[in-house]
Amino acid sequence: MILLSSSLPPGLAKHAVPTYTQTLSLVASSVTLARMSTRTTLACWSLDELADDAELIVSELMTNAVRHARPPAPSEDEPGRCRLTLQQPEPDTVRVWVTDASSRRVVRRTPGDGDETGRGLAVVDHLASAWDILPMRGGGKTVWAELRASGP
């Protein structure tokens, strides 16, 4: 996979990093697949201590993409697509990226006590050491989050 340096956080384009990427349909079952892929990838990278938080972040970002980034007239054959990317830029760090083609703005909501949705980005903000939303050239966006292991 090739990523343009303009779409990466500062400093990441200077060296190659272990990367896993997967293109997923914008359907609910893709959230489960993304969670499993995340847990497996982090196990391969010996970052098991980050797996629970990374899996939750991936779940929130993928759910947002499935709910809000579908094309205006999705079909059963083409529900839209997004891309999950996991990177290990440092031995104790993982970055999660979810990229979709929608130009719809990401809005962090403040849900009421009885609301069943709207807490996803608050969860990401709480768990991640850093996160951001990057507009993509030609439309679409990437939401990324970084997690760091607690150390020895």
N, C-alpha and C. Protein backbone atom coordinates (compact mmCIF):
# COMPACT_ATOMS: atom_id res chain seq x y z
N MET A 1 0.84 -1.17 0.00
CA MET A 1 0.00 0.00 0.00
C MET A 1 0.89 1.23 0.00
N ILE A 2 0.49 2.24 -0.75
CA ILE A 2 1.22 3.49 -0.80
C ILE A 2 0.35 4.58 -0.21
N LEU A 3 0.89 5.29 0.75
CA LEU A 3 0.20 6.43 1.34
C LEU A 3 0.99 7.68 1.01
N LEU A 4 0.30 8.73 0.65
CA LEU A 4 0.97 9.99 0.36
C LEU A 4 1.39 10.65 1.65
N SER A 5 2.56 11.24 1.67
CA SER A 5 3.06 11.85 2.90
C SER A 5 2.16 12.98 3.38
N SER A 6 1.42 13.63 2.47
CA SER A 6 0.54 14.72 2.89
C SER A 6 -0.65 14.21 3.70
N SER A 7 -0.91 12.90 3.66
CA SER A 7 -2.03 12.37 4.41
C SER A 7 -1.58 11.70 5.71
N LEU A 8 -0.31 11.83 6.05
CA LEU A 8 0.22 11.21 7.25
C LEU A 8 0.52 12.25 8.31
N PRO A 9 0.46 11.84 9.58
CA PRO A 9 0.89 12.75 10.64
C PRO A 9 2.35 13.13 10.44
N PRO A 10 2.77 14.28 10.94
CA PRO A 10 4.16 14.73 10.77
C PRO A 10 5.16 13.67 11.20
N GLY A 11 6.20 13.50 10.39
CA GLY A 11 7.29 12.60 10.72
C GLY A 11 7.10 11.16 10.30
N LEU A 12 5.89 10.73 9.98
CA LEU A 12 5.66 9.33 9.67
C LEU A 12 6.21 8.94 8.30
N ALA A 13 6.25 9.87 7.35
CA ALA A 13 6.68 9.54 5.99
C ALA A 13 8.18 9.35 5.88
N LYS A 14 8.93 9.55 6.96
CA LYS A 14 10.39 9.49 6.90
C LYS A 14 10.94 8.07 6.91
N HIS A 15 10.16 7.09 7.35
CA HIS A 15 10.63 5.71 7.38
C HIS A 15 9.46 4.75 7.16
N ALA A 16 9.81 3.57 6.67
CA ALA A 16 8.78 2.56 6.45
C ALA A 16 8.33 2.00 7.79
N VAL A 17 7.06 1.68 7.89
CA VAL A 17 6.52 1.13 9.13
C VAL A 17 5.70 -0.11 8.81
N PRO A 18 5.64 -1.07 9.74
CA PRO A 18 4.75 -2.21 9.52
C PRO A 18 3.32 -1.72 9.36
N THR A 19 2.65 -2.21 8.33
CA THR A 19 1.31 -1.72 8.00
C THR A 19 0.42 -2.88 7.58
N TYR A 20 -0.82 -2.85 8.05
CA TYR A 20 -1.86 -3.77 7.61
C TYR A 20 -2.99 -2.92 7.07
N THR A 21 -3.53 -3.27 5.92
CA THR A 21 -4.66 -2.53 5.38
C THR A 21 -5.69 -3.49 4.80
N GLN A 22 -6.94 -3.09 4.90
CA GLN A 22 -8.04 -3.92 4.43
C GLN A 22 -9.16 -3.01 3.94
N THR A 23 -9.69 -3.29 2.76
CA THR A 23 -10.84 -2.56 2.24
C THR A 23 -12.09 -3.32 2.65
N LEU A 24 -13.05 -2.59 3.21
CA LEU A 24 -14.26 -3.19 3.75
C LEU A 24 -15.50 -2.52 3.18
N SER A 25 -16.55 -3.28 3.03
CA SER A 25 -17.84 -2.73 2.61
C SER A 25 -18.45 -1.95 3.77
N LEU A 26 -19.23 -0.94 3.44
CA LEU A 26 -19.91 -0.13 4.46
C LEU A 26 -21.20 -0.83 4.90
N VAL A 27 -21.01 -1.97 5.56
CA VAL A 27 -22.12 -2.75 6.10
C VAL A 27 -21.76 -3.13 7.54
N ALA A 28 -22.77 -3.38 8.35
CA ALA A 28 -22.56 -3.63 9.78
C ALA A 28 -21.59 -4.77 10.05
N SER A 29 -21.63 -5.84 9.27
CA SER A 29 -20.75 -6.99 9.52
C SER A 29 -19.27 -6.64 9.34
N SER A 30 -18.97 -5.57 8.63
CA SER A 30 -17.58 -5.15 8.46
C SER A 30 -16.96 -4.67 9.76
N VAL A 31 -17.79 -4.17 10.67
CA VAL A 31 -17.27 -3.71 11.97
C VAL A 31 -16.67 -4.90 12.72
N THR A 32 -17.36 -6.02 12.72
CA THR A 32 -16.86 -7.23 13.38
C THR A 32 -15.58 -7.71 12.73
N LEU A 33 -15.54 -7.72 11.41
CA LEU A 33 -14.35 -8.15 10.68
C LEU A 33 -13.17 -7.23 10.99
N ALA A 34 -13.41 -5.93 11.05
CA ALA A 34 -12.35 -4.97 11.36
C ALA A 34 -11.81 -5.19 12.78
N ARG A 35 -12.69 -5.48 13.72
CA ARG A 35 -12.26 -5.74 15.10
C ARG A 35 -11.37 -6.99 15.16
N MET A 36 -11.78 -8.05 14.47
CA MET A 36 -10.98 -9.29 14.47
C MET A 36 -9.63 -9.06 13.80
N SER A 37 -9.62 -8.32 12.69
CA SER A 37 -8.37 -8.03 11.99
C SER A 37 -7.43 -7.22 12.88
N THR A 38 -7.99 -6.29 13.63
CA THR A 38 -7.19 -5.46 14.53
C THR A 38 -6.54 -6.32 15.61
N ARG A 39 -7.32 -7.15 16.27
CA ARG A 39 -6.80 -8.00 17.34
C ARG A 39 -5.71 -8.93 16.80
N THR A 40 -5.93 -9.53 15.64
CA THR A 40 -4.95 -10.43 15.04
C THR A 40 -3.66 -9.70 14.68
N THR A 41 -3.79 -8.53 14.07
CA THR A 41 -2.61 -7.76 13.67
C THR A 41 -1.80 -7.34 14.89
N LEU A 42 -2.45 -6.85 15.93
CA LEU A 42 -1.72 -6.44 17.12
C LEU A 42 -1.04 -7.62 17.80
N ALA A 43 -1.64 -8.79 17.76
CA ALA A 43 -0.99 -9.99 18.30
C ALA A 43 0.29 -10.30 17.50
N CYS A 44 0.22 -10.16 16.19
CA CYS A 44 1.40 -10.39 15.35
C CYS A 44 2.51 -9.40 15.64
N TRP A 45 2.13 -8.19 16.03
CA TRP A 45 3.11 -7.15 16.34
C TRP A 45 3.50 -7.13 17.82
N SER A 46 3.06 -8.11 18.59
CA SER A 46 3.33 -8.20 20.03
C SER A 46 2.85 -6.97 20.78
N LEU A 47 1.69 -6.45 20.37
CA LEU A 47 1.07 -5.30 21.03
C LEU A 47 -0.27 -5.71 21.65
N ASP A 48 -0.29 -6.90 22.24
CA ASP A 48 -1.52 -7.42 22.82
C ASP A 48 -2.10 -6.49 23.89
N GLU A 49 -1.26 -5.77 24.61
CA GLU A 49 -1.78 -4.90 25.67
C GLU A 49 -2.60 -3.74 25.12
N LEU A 50 -2.44 -3.45 23.83
CA LEU A 50 -3.22 -2.38 23.19
C LEU A 50 -4.47 -2.91 22.48
N ALA A 51 -4.62 -4.21 22.43
CA ALA A 51 -5.66 -4.81 21.59
C ALA A 51 -7.07 -4.40 22.01
N ASP A 52 -7.38 -4.40 23.30
CA ASP A 52 -8.74 -4.05 23.72
C ASP A 52 -9.10 -2.63 23.33
N ASP A 53 -8.20 -1.68 23.64
CA ASP A 53 -8.47 -0.27 23.30
C ASP A 53 -8.49 -0.06 21.79
N ALA A 54 -7.55 -0.68 21.07
CA ALA A 54 -7.51 -0.53 19.61
C ALA A 54 -8.77 -1.11 18.98
N GLU A 55 -9.21 -2.24 19.49
CA GLU A 55 -10.42 -2.88 18.96
C GLU A 55 -11.64 -1.98 19.18
N LEU A 56 -11.71 -1.35 20.34
CA LEU A 56 -12.83 -0.45 20.62
C LEU A 56 -12.78 0.79 19.72
N ILE A 57 -11.60 1.36 19.53
CA ILE A 57 -11.46 2.52 18.65
C ILE A 57 -11.85 2.14 17.22
N VAL A 58 -11.36 1.01 16.74
CA VAL A 58 -11.71 0.55 15.39
C VAL A 58 -13.22 0.37 15.29
N SER A 59 -13.83 -0.19 16.30
CA SER A 59 -15.27 -0.39 16.29
C SER A 59 -16.01 0.93 16.17
N GLU A 60 -15.60 1.92 16.92
CA GLU A 60 -16.25 3.24 16.88
C GLU A 60 -16.05 3.91 15.53
N LEU A 61 -14.83 3.90 15.01
CA LEU A 61 -14.56 4.57 13.72
C LEU A 61 -15.24 3.85 12.56
N MET A 62 -15.23 2.52 12.59
CA MET A 62 -15.90 1.76 11.53
C MET A 62 -17.42 1.95 11.61
N THR A 63 -17.97 1.96 12.81
CA THR A 63 -19.41 2.18 12.95
C THR A 63 -19.80 3.53 12.40
N ASN A 64 -18.99 4.56 12.69
CA ASN A 64 -19.26 5.89 12.13
C ASN A 64 -19.24 5.86 10.60
N ALA A 65 -18.25 5.17 10.03
CA ALA A 65 -18.17 5.08 8.56
C ALA A 65 -19.40 4.36 8.00
N VAL A 66 -19.77 3.25 8.61
CA VAL A 66 -20.93 2.49 8.13
C VAL A 66 -22.20 3.33 8.22
N ARG A 67 -22.36 4.07 9.30
CA ARG A 67 -23.59 4.85 9.48
C ARG A 67 -23.63 6.13 8.66
N HIS A 68 -22.47 6.78 8.48
CA HIS A 68 -22.49 8.14 7.94
C HIS A 68 -21.79 8.31 6.59
N ALA A 69 -21.05 7.31 6.11
CA ALA A 69 -20.27 7.51 4.89
C ALA A 69 -20.81 6.73 3.69
N ARG A 70 -21.95 6.08 3.86
CA ARG A 70 -22.52 5.34 2.74
C ARG A 70 -22.89 6.29 1.61
N PRO A 71 -22.78 5.82 0.37
CA PRO A 71 -23.16 6.68 -0.76
C PRO A 71 -24.65 7.01 -0.70
N PRO A 72 -25.07 8.07 -1.40
CA PRO A 72 -26.48 8.49 -1.35
C PRO A 72 -27.47 7.40 -1.75
N ALA A 73 -27.09 6.56 -2.70
CA ALA A 73 -28.00 5.49 -3.15
C ALA A 73 -27.25 4.16 -3.14
N PRO A 74 -26.91 3.64 -1.93
CA PRO A 74 -26.18 2.38 -1.90
C PRO A 74 -27.06 1.23 -2.39
N SER A 75 -26.42 0.24 -2.98
CA SER A 75 -27.14 -0.95 -3.42
C SER A 75 -26.58 -2.15 -2.68
N GLU A 76 -27.27 -3.26 -2.79
CA GLU A 76 -26.79 -4.48 -2.16
C GLU A 76 -25.44 -4.88 -2.75
N ASP A 77 -25.27 -4.63 -4.06
CA ASP A 77 -24.02 -4.98 -4.73
C ASP A 77 -22.92 -3.96 -4.44
N GLU A 78 -23.28 -2.73 -4.17
CA GLU A 78 -22.28 -1.70 -3.92
C GLU A 78 -22.75 -0.77 -2.79
N PRO A 79 -22.47 -1.20 -1.53
CA PRO A 79 -22.90 -0.40 -0.38
C PRO A 79 -21.94 0.74 -0.05
N GLY A 80 -20.86 0.85 -0.80
CA GLY A 80 -19.78 1.79 -0.49
C GLY A 80 -18.66 1.04 0.20
N ARG A 81 -17.51 1.67 0.26
CA ARG A 81 -16.32 1.02 0.83
C ARG A 81 -15.58 2.00 1.73
N CYS A 82 -14.82 1.43 2.65
CA CYS A 82 -13.88 2.21 3.45
C CYS A 82 -12.61 1.37 3.58
N ARG A 83 -11.58 2.01 4.10
CA ARG A 83 -10.31 1.30 4.25
C ARG A 83 -9.85 1.40 5.71
N LEU A 84 -9.54 0.26 6.28
CA LEU A 84 -8.95 0.19 7.62
C LEU A 84 -7.45 0.01 7.44
N THR A 85 -6.68 0.83 8.12
CA THR A 85 -5.23 0.71 8.09
C THR A 85 -4.72 0.71 9.52
N LEU A 86 -3.84 -0.21 9.82
CA LEU A 86 -3.16 -0.27 11.11
C LEU A 86 -1.67 -0.11 10.84
N GLN A 87 -1.00 0.72 11.64
CA GLN A 87 0.43 0.94 11.47
C GLN A 87 1.12 0.84 12.82
N GLN A 88 2.36 0.38 12.79
CA GLN A 88 3.19 0.32 13.99
C GLN A 88 4.42 1.21 13.76
N PRO A 89 4.28 2.53 13.95
CA PRO A 89 5.39 3.44 13.66
C PRO A 89 6.54 3.34 14.66
N GLU A 90 6.28 2.87 15.86
CA GLU A 90 7.28 2.65 16.90
C GLU A 90 6.97 1.31 17.55
N PRO A 91 7.93 0.68 18.22
CA PRO A 91 7.67 -0.62 18.82
C PRO A 91 6.50 -0.65 19.80
N ASP A 92 6.20 0.48 20.46
CA ASP A 92 5.14 0.52 21.47
C ASP A 92 3.90 1.29 21.03
N THR A 93 3.78 1.53 19.72
CA THR A 93 2.73 2.42 19.23
C THR A 93 1.97 1.78 18.07
N VAL A 94 0.67 2.01 18.05
CA VAL A 94 -0.15 1.61 16.90
C VAL A 94 -1.00 2.80 16.50
N ARG A 95 -1.14 2.98 15.20
CA ARG A 95 -2.06 3.99 14.66
C ARG A 95 -3.14 3.26 13.89
N VAL A 96 -4.36 3.71 14.11
CA VAL A 96 -5.55 3.18 13.45
C VAL A 96 -6.04 4.26 12.50
N TRP A 97 -6.33 3.87 11.27
CA TRP A 97 -6.86 4.81 10.27
C TRP A 97 -8.12 4.21 9.68
N VAL A 98 -9.17 4.98 9.55
CA VAL A 98 -10.35 4.58 8.78
C VAL A 98 -10.60 5.68 7.76
N THR A 99 -10.54 5.29 6.50
CA THR A 99 -10.68 6.23 5.39
C THR A 99 -11.95 5.89 4.61
N ASP A 100 -12.73 6.93 4.30
CA ASP A 100 -13.92 6.72 3.48
C ASP A 100 -14.02 7.82 2.44
N ALA A 101 -14.90 7.64 1.48
CA ALA A 101 -15.02 8.56 0.36
C ALA A 101 -16.01 9.70 0.62
N SER A 102 -16.63 9.71 1.77
CA SER A 102 -17.63 10.72 2.07
C SER A 102 -16.98 12.04 2.49
N SER A 103 -17.49 13.13 1.97
CA SER A 103 -17.02 14.45 2.38
C SER A 103 -17.84 15.00 3.55
N ARG A 104 -18.78 14.20 4.04
CA ARG A 104 -19.60 14.60 5.19
C ARG A 104 -18.70 14.83 6.40
N ARG A 105 -18.86 15.97 7.03
CA ARG A 105 -18.04 16.32 8.19
C ARG A 105 -18.27 15.37 9.35
N VAL A 106 -17.20 15.12 10.08
CA VAL A 106 -17.29 14.34 11.31
C VAL A 106 -17.58 15.33 12.43
N VAL A 107 -18.61 15.05 13.20
CA VAL A 107 -19.02 15.95 14.28
C VAL A 107 -19.02 15.18 15.59
N ARG A 108 -18.29 15.71 16.56
CA ARG A 108 -18.32 15.10 17.89
C ARG A 108 -19.54 15.63 18.62
N ARG A 109 -20.43 14.71 18.97
CA ARG A 109 -21.68 15.08 19.62
C ARG A 109 -21.56 15.01 21.14
N THR A 110 -22.47 15.68 21.80
CA THR A 110 -22.62 15.57 23.24
C THR A 110 -24.01 14.99 23.49
N PRO A 111 -24.08 13.66 23.60
CA PRO A 111 -25.39 13.02 23.74
C PRO A 111 -25.97 13.24 25.13
N GLY A 112 -27.28 13.17 25.20
CA GLY A 112 -27.97 13.23 26.48
C GLY A 112 -27.89 11.89 27.18
N ASP A 113 -28.30 11.86 28.44
CA ASP A 113 -28.23 10.62 29.23
C ASP A 113 -29.00 9.48 28.60
N GLY A 114 -30.13 9.75 27.97
CA GLY A 114 -30.95 8.69 27.39
C GLY A 114 -30.59 8.32 25.96
N ASP A 115 -29.66 9.05 25.34
CA ASP A 115 -29.29 8.77 23.95
C ASP A 115 -28.50 7.48 23.85
N GLU A 116 -28.79 6.69 22.82
CA GLU A 116 -28.10 5.43 22.61
C GLU A 116 -26.91 5.55 21.67
N THR A 117 -26.77 6.66 20.98
CA THR A 117 -25.66 6.87 20.06
C THR A 117 -25.02 8.22 20.34
N GLY A 118 -23.88 8.47 19.68
CA GLY A 118 -23.25 9.78 19.76
C GLY A 118 -22.05 9.86 20.68
N ARG A 119 -21.60 8.72 21.22
CA ARG A 119 -20.47 8.74 22.15
C ARG A 119 -19.17 8.26 21.52
N GLY A 120 -19.19 7.85 20.27
CA GLY A 120 -18.03 7.22 19.63
C GLY A 120 -16.77 8.05 19.67
N LEU A 121 -16.83 9.31 19.26
CA LEU A 121 -15.62 10.12 19.24
C LEU A 121 -15.16 10.49 20.64
N ALA A 122 -16.07 10.55 21.60
CA ALA A 122 -15.67 10.77 22.99
C ALA A 122 -14.88 9.57 23.50
N VAL A 123 -15.28 8.37 23.09
CA VAL A 123 -14.54 7.15 23.45
C VAL A 123 -13.15 7.19 22.82
N VAL A 124 -13.08 7.54 21.55
CA VAL A 124 -11.79 7.64 20.86
C VAL A 124 -10.90 8.66 21.56
N ASP A 125 -11.46 9.81 21.89
CA ASP A 125 -10.70 10.87 22.56
C ASP A 125 -10.16 10.39 23.91
N HIS A 126 -10.94 9.61 24.62
CA HIS A 126 -10.54 9.12 25.94
C HIS A 126 -9.43 8.07 25.84
N LEU A 127 -9.51 7.18 24.87
CA LEU A 127 -8.57 6.06 24.77
C LEU A 127 -7.28 6.40 24.03
N ALA A 128 -7.36 7.27 23.05
CA ALA A 128 -6.21 7.54 22.18
C ALA A 128 -5.27 8.58 22.80
N SER A 129 -3.98 8.43 22.52
CA SER A 129 -3.03 9.46 22.95
C SER A 129 -3.10 10.66 22.01
N ALA A 130 -3.57 10.43 20.78
CA ALA A 130 -3.79 11.50 19.80
C ALA A 130 -4.77 10.99 18.76
N TRP A 131 -5.51 11.89 18.14
CA TRP A 131 -6.39 11.52 17.03
C TRP A 131 -6.72 12.79 16.25
N ASP A 132 -7.15 12.59 15.01
CA ASP A 132 -7.48 13.73 14.17
C ASP A 132 -8.30 13.26 12.98
N ILE A 133 -8.81 14.22 12.27
CA ILE A 133 -9.57 13.98 11.05
C ILE A 133 -8.85 14.70 9.93
N LEU A 134 -8.52 13.99 8.87
CA LEU A 134 -7.80 14.57 7.74
C LEU A 134 -8.66 14.51 6.49
N PRO A 135 -8.92 15.67 5.86
CA PRO A 135 -9.62 15.63 4.57
C PRO A 135 -8.67 15.04 3.52
N MET A 136 -9.24 14.28 2.59
CA MET A 136 -8.43 13.67 1.54
C MET A 136 -8.56 14.50 0.26
N ARG A 137 -7.47 14.56 -0.47
CA ARG A 137 -7.53 15.22 -1.77
C ARG A 137 -8.53 14.49 -2.65
N GLY A 138 -9.38 15.22 -3.30
CA GLY A 138 -10.36 14.61 -4.18
C GLY A 138 -11.62 14.17 -3.45
N GLY A 139 -11.73 14.47 -2.17
CA GLY A 139 -12.92 14.11 -1.40
C GLY A 139 -12.66 12.97 -0.43
N GLY A 140 -13.50 12.87 0.51
CA GLY A 140 -13.35 11.83 1.53
C GLY A 140 -12.53 12.33 2.71
N LYS A 141 -12.32 11.43 3.65
CA LYS A 141 -11.60 11.80 4.86
C LYS A 141 -10.98 10.57 5.49
N THR A 142 -10.02 10.82 6.35
CA THR A 142 -9.43 9.78 7.17
C THR A 142 -9.54 10.22 8.62
N VAL A 143 -10.02 9.34 9.47
CA VAL A 143 -10.00 9.57 10.91
C VAL A 143 -8.95 8.62 11.46
N TRP A 144 -7.97 9.17 12.18
CA TRP A 144 -6.91 8.32 12.72
C TRP A 144 -6.81 8.53 14.23
N ALA A 145 -6.29 7.51 14.89
CA ALA A 145 -6.06 7.56 16.33
C ALA A 145 -4.79 6.79 16.63
N GLU A 146 -4.10 7.25 17.65
CA GLU A 146 -2.83 6.62 18.05
C GLU A 146 -2.94 6.11 19.47
N LEU A 147 -2.40 4.94 19.69
CA LEU A 147 -2.32 4.33 21.02
C LEU A 147 -0.89 4.00 21.33
N ARG A 148 -0.50 4.19 22.59
CA ARG A 148 0.86 3.83 23.03
C ARG A 148 0.77 2.86 24.19
N ALA A 149 1.67 1.87 24.18
CA ALA A 149 1.73 0.93 25.28
C ALA A 149 2.27 1.65 26.52
N SER A 150 1.93 1.14 27.68
CA SER A 150 2.29 1.81 28.92
C SER A 150 3.77 1.68 29.25
N GLY A 151 4.47 0.77 28.63
CA GLY A 151 5.91 0.64 28.88
C GLY A 151 6.21 -0.40 29.95
N PRO A 152 7.49 -0.56 30.25
CA PRO A 152 7.91 -1.60 31.20
C PRO A 152 7.45 -1.33 32.61
